[in-house]
Amino acid sequence: MGSEWLRLSASSTLVEVDIQPSAKRSEVVGIEPWRGRLKVAVRAPPVDGEANAELIEVVA
């Protein structure tokens, strides 16, 4: 499978993420084997960008 979830270029980095909103705790779960993406759980609900904002905090 390799690292399909992480792509590097000279000027940028692309990280493919599966996000699980409204989780019990915020954490990097690991690599999702079927899709080859980084799986991240966040406590925030998927409302008004809250889950996206928390995703940035978790992976930063």
C-alpha atoms as a PDB file:
ATOM      1  CA  MET A   1       0.000   0.000   0.000  1.00  0.00           C
ATOM      2  CA  GLY A   2       2.682   2.566   0.806  1.00  0.00           C
ATOM      3  CA  SER A   3       1.947   6.121   1.948  1.00  0.00           C
ATOM      4  CA  GLU A   4      -0.993   7.144  -0.200  1.00  0.00           C
ATOM      5  CA  TRP A   5      -2.166   9.406   2.624  1.00  0.00           C
ATOM      6  CA  LEU A   6       0.956  11.605   2.482  1.00  0.00           C
ATOM      7  CA  ARG A   7       2.211  13.314  -0.671  1.00  0.00           C
ATOM      8  CA  LEU A   8       5.167  15.663  -0.773  1.00  0.00           C
ATOM      9  CA  SER A   9       6.147  18.120  -3.483  1.00  0.00           C
ATOM     10  CA  ALA A  10       8.728  20.879  -3.709  1.00  0.00           C
ATOM     11  CA  SER A  11       6.293  23.498  -2.397  1.00  0.00           C
ATOM     12  CA  SER A  12       3.582  21.672  -0.444  1.00  0.00           C
ATOM     13  CA  THR A  13       2.456  18.641   1.528  1.00  0.00           C
ATOM     14  CA  LEU A  14      -0.906  16.931   0.976  1.00  0.00           C
ATOM     15  CA  VAL A  15      -2.328  14.799   3.783  1.00  0.00           C
ATOM     16  CA  GLU A  16      -5.437  12.747   2.998  1.00  0.00           C
ATOM     17  CA  VAL A  17      -7.545  12.396   6.147  1.00  0.00           C
ATOM     18  CA  ASP A  18     -10.673  10.522   7.194  1.00  0.00           C
ATOM     19  CA  ILE A  19     -12.172  12.480  10.080  1.00  0.00           C
ATOM     20  CA  GLN A  20     -14.537  11.017  12.676  1.00  0.00           C
ATOM     21  CA  PRO A  21     -16.454  13.880  14.315  1.00  0.00           C
ATOM     22  CA  SER A  22     -18.259  13.609  17.664  1.00  0.00           C
ATOM     23  CA  ALA A  23     -15.807  10.998  18.963  1.00  0.00           C
ATOM     24  CA  LYS A  24     -15.273  10.242  22.660  1.00  0.00           C
ATOM     25  CA  ARG A  25     -11.774  11.755  22.493  1.00  0.00           C
ATOM     26  CA  SER A  26      -9.604  13.554  19.982  1.00  0.00           C
ATOM     27  CA  GLU A  27      -6.700  11.488  18.675  1.00  0.00           C
ATOM     28  CA  VAL A  28      -4.849  10.275  15.619  1.00  0.00           C
ATOM     29  CA  VAL A  29      -6.250   6.762  15.246  1.00  0.00           C
ATOM     30  CA  GLY A  30      -3.823   5.509  12.596  1.00  0.00           C
ATOM     31  CA  ILE A  31      -3.860   4.618   8.922  1.00  0.00           C
ATOM     32  CA  GLU A  32      -7.241   3.533   7.528  1.00  0.00           C
ATOM     33  CA  PRO A  33      -6.216   0.417   5.558  1.00  0.00           C
ATOM     34  CA  TRP A  34      -9.015   0.307   2.986  1.00  0.00           C
ATOM     35  CA  ARG A  35      -8.728   3.910   1.849  1.00  0.00           C
ATOM     36  CA  GLY A  36      -5.070   4.447   2.665  1.00  0.00           C
ATOM     37  CA  ARG A  37      -5.777   7.644   4.606  1.00  0.00           C
ATOM     38  CA  LEU A  38      -4.826   8.986   7.999  1.00  0.00           C
ATOM     39  CA  LYS A  39      -7.773   8.507  10.386  1.00  0.00           C
ATOM     40  CA  VAL A  40      -8.328  11.189  13.010  1.00  0.00           C
ATOM     41  CA  ALA A  41     -11.088  11.267  15.634  1.00  0.00           C
ATOM     42  CA  VAL A  42     -12.223  14.606  17.067  1.00  0.00           C
ATOM     43  CA  ARG A  43     -14.675  15.416  19.851  1.00  0.00           C
ATOM     44  CA  ALA A  44     -16.183  18.402  18.063  1.00  0.00           C
ATOM     45  CA  PRO A  45     -19.431  17.943  16.133  1.00  0.00           C
ATOM     46  CA  PRO A  46     -19.570  18.488  12.365  1.00  0.00           C
ATOM     47  CA  VAL A  47     -21.251  21.882  12.797  1.00  0.00           C
ATOM     48  CA  ASP A  48     -20.063  25.291  11.557  1.00  0.00           C
ATOM     49  CA  GLY A  49     -16.523  24.050  10.906  1.00  0.00           C
ATOM     50  CA  GLU A  50     -15.945  22.984  14.519  1.00  0.00           C
ATOM     51  CA  ALA A  51     -14.695  19.500  13.600  1.00  0.00           C
ATOM     52  CA  ASN A  52     -12.388  20.927  10.923  1.00  0.00           C
ATOM     53  CA  ALA A  53     -10.915  23.439  13.373  1.00  0.00           C
ATOM     54  CA  GLU A  54     -10.267  20.717  15.928  1.00  0.00           C
ATOM     55  CA  LEU A  55      -8.735  18.495  13.241  1.00  0.00           C
ATOM     56  CA  ILE A  56      -6.156  21.202  12.581  1.00  0.00           C
ATOM     57  CA  GLU A  57      -5.358  21.403  16.314  1.00  0.00           C
ATOM     58  CA  VAL A  58      -4.939  17.620  16.587  1.00  0.00           C
ATOM     59  CA  VAL A  59      -2.620  17.173  13.611  1.00  0.00           C
ATOM     60  CA  ALA A  60      -0.645  20.416  14.041  1.00  0.00           C
END
